[in-house]
Amino acid sequence: MDIAGASLSAAAVRAELIDEYAIVTHPVLVGGGTPFFTALDNWVNLSLVETRTFPDGVILTRYETRR
């Protein structure tokens, strides 16, 4: 199941329901918006699984949650 959106994903992170993070970074700067990762009570330990760079400069990074 994929979760998107800052509010819903923050609740899933706090409940430790996420096994994998797929983060897509676009080479664009913006001046505002809702932070996707809100302040957490504890660290989330991650292991890098994959990185992929696309021709337009977009970068995909995938991480697994270490428990």
C-alpha atoms as a PDB file:
ATOM      1  CA  MET A   1       0.000   0.000   0.000  1.00  0.00           C
ATOM      2  CA  ASP A   2       1.299   3.466  -0.818  1.00  0.00           C
ATOM      3  CA  ILE A   3       0.706   6.431   1.461  1.00  0.00           C
ATOM      4  CA  ALA A   4       0.981   9.974   0.187  1.00  0.00           C
ATOM      5  CA  GLY A   5       0.391  13.279   1.904  1.00  0.00           C
ATOM      6  CA  ALA A   6       2.120  14.808   4.882  1.00  0.00           C
ATOM      7  CA  SER A   7      -0.637  14.356   7.484  1.00  0.00           C
ATOM      8  CA  LEU A   8      -1.479  10.727   6.766  1.00  0.00           C
ATOM      9  CA  SER A   9       2.147   9.660   6.381  1.00  0.00           C
ATOM     10  CA  ALA A  10       3.146  11.337   9.674  1.00  0.00           C
ATOM     11  CA  ALA A  11       0.515   9.283  11.500  1.00  0.00           C
ATOM     12  CA  ALA A  12       1.779   6.080   9.858  1.00  0.00           C
ATOM     13  CA  VAL A  13       5.404   6.887  10.778  1.00  0.00           C
ATOM     14  CA  ARG A  14       4.453   7.470  14.429  1.00  0.00           C
ATOM     15  CA  ALA A  15       2.529   4.161  14.497  1.00  0.00           C
ATOM     16  CA  GLU A  16       5.592   2.381  12.987  1.00  0.00           C
ATOM     17  CA  LEU A  17       3.519   1.058  10.076  1.00  0.00           C
ATOM     18  CA  ILE A  18       5.996   1.894   7.301  1.00  0.00           C
ATOM     19  CA  ASP A  19       8.360  -0.823   6.046  1.00  0.00           C
ATOM     20  CA  GLU A  20       9.833   1.100   3.111  1.00  0.00           C
ATOM     21  CA  TYR A  21      10.268   4.733   2.097  1.00  0.00           C
ATOM     22  CA  ALA A  22      10.486   5.720  -1.579  1.00  0.00           C
ATOM     23  CA  ILE A  23      11.520   9.351  -1.846  1.00  0.00           C
ATOM     24  CA  VAL A  24      11.450  11.126  -5.201  1.00  0.00           C
ATOM     25  CA  THR A  25      13.407  14.387  -5.324  1.00  0.00           C
ATOM     26  CA  HIS A  26      12.709  16.862  -8.128  1.00  0.00           C
ATOM     27  CA  PRO A  27      15.326  19.545  -8.929  1.00  0.00           C
ATOM     28  CA  VAL A  28      12.969  22.461  -8.201  1.00  0.00           C
ATOM     29  CA  LEU A  29      13.008  24.981  -5.365  1.00  0.00           C
ATOM     30  CA  VAL A  30       9.764  26.118  -3.772  1.00  0.00           C
ATOM     31  CA  GLY A  31       9.197  28.699  -1.108  1.00  0.00           C
ATOM     32  CA  GLY A  32       6.659  27.013   1.144  1.00  0.00           C
ATOM     33  CA  GLY A  33       4.296  24.196   1.806  1.00  0.00           C
ATOM     34  CA  THR A  34       3.655  21.538   4.419  1.00  0.00           C
ATOM     35  CA  PRO A  35       6.787  19.673   5.573  1.00  0.00           C
ATOM     36  CA  PHE A  36       6.457  16.034   4.564  1.00  0.00           C
ATOM     37  CA  PHE A  37       8.426  14.752   7.539  1.00  0.00           C
ATOM     38  CA  THR A  38       7.175  16.310  10.759  1.00  0.00           C
ATOM     39  CA  ALA A  39       8.986  16.242  14.089  1.00  0.00           C
ATOM     40  CA  LEU A  40       9.079  12.717  15.499  1.00  0.00           C
ATOM     41  CA  ASP A  41       9.465  11.414  19.036  1.00  0.00           C
ATOM     42  CA  ASN A  42      12.195   8.912  18.057  1.00  0.00           C
ATOM     43  CA  TRP A  43      14.698   8.281  15.293  1.00  0.00           C
ATOM     44  CA  VAL A  44      13.635   6.102  12.373  1.00  0.00           C
ATOM     45  CA  ASN A  45      16.588   3.880  11.403  1.00  0.00           C
ATOM     46  CA  LEU A  46      16.774   3.272   7.666  1.00  0.00           C
ATOM     47  CA  SER A  47      18.902   1.197   5.292  1.00  0.00           C
ATOM     48  CA  LEU A  48      19.469   2.436   1.743  1.00  0.00           C
ATOM     49  CA  VAL A  49      18.107  -0.102  -0.759  1.00  0.00           C
ATOM     50  CA  GLU A  50      18.274   1.708  -4.111  1.00  0.00           C
ATOM     51  CA  THR A  51      19.127   4.985  -5.770  1.00  0.00           C
ATOM     52  CA  ARG A  52      18.161   5.853  -9.319  1.00  0.00           C
ATOM     53  CA  THR A  53      18.777   9.040 -11.293  1.00  0.00           C
ATOM     54  CA  PHE A  54      16.534   9.882 -14.223  1.00  0.00           C
ATOM     55  CA  PRO A  55      17.543  11.936 -17.318  1.00  0.00           C
ATOM     56  CA  ASP A  56      15.564  15.005 -16.175  1.00  0.00           C
ATOM     57  CA  GLY A  57      17.481  15.152 -12.863  1.00  0.00           C
ATOM     58  CA  VAL A  58      14.836  13.463 -10.709  1.00  0.00           C
ATOM     59  CA  ILE A  59      16.350  11.163  -8.074  1.00  0.00           C
ATOM     60  CA  LEU A  60      14.620   8.153  -6.517  1.00  0.00           C
ATOM     61  CA  THR A  61      15.951   6.824  -3.198  1.00  0.00           C
ATOM     62  CA  ARG A  62      14.419   3.793  -1.488  1.00  0.00           C
ATOM     63  CA  TYR A  63      15.006   2.906   2.141  1.00  0.00           C
ATOM     64  CA  GLU A  64      13.903  -0.023   4.300  1.00  0.00           C
ATOM     65  CA  THR A  65      13.051   0.459   7.955  1.00  0.00           C
ATOM     66  CA  ARG A  66      15.516  -1.277  10.297  1.00  0.00           C
ATOM     67  CA  ARG A  67      13.783  -2.639  13.388  1.00  0.00           C
END
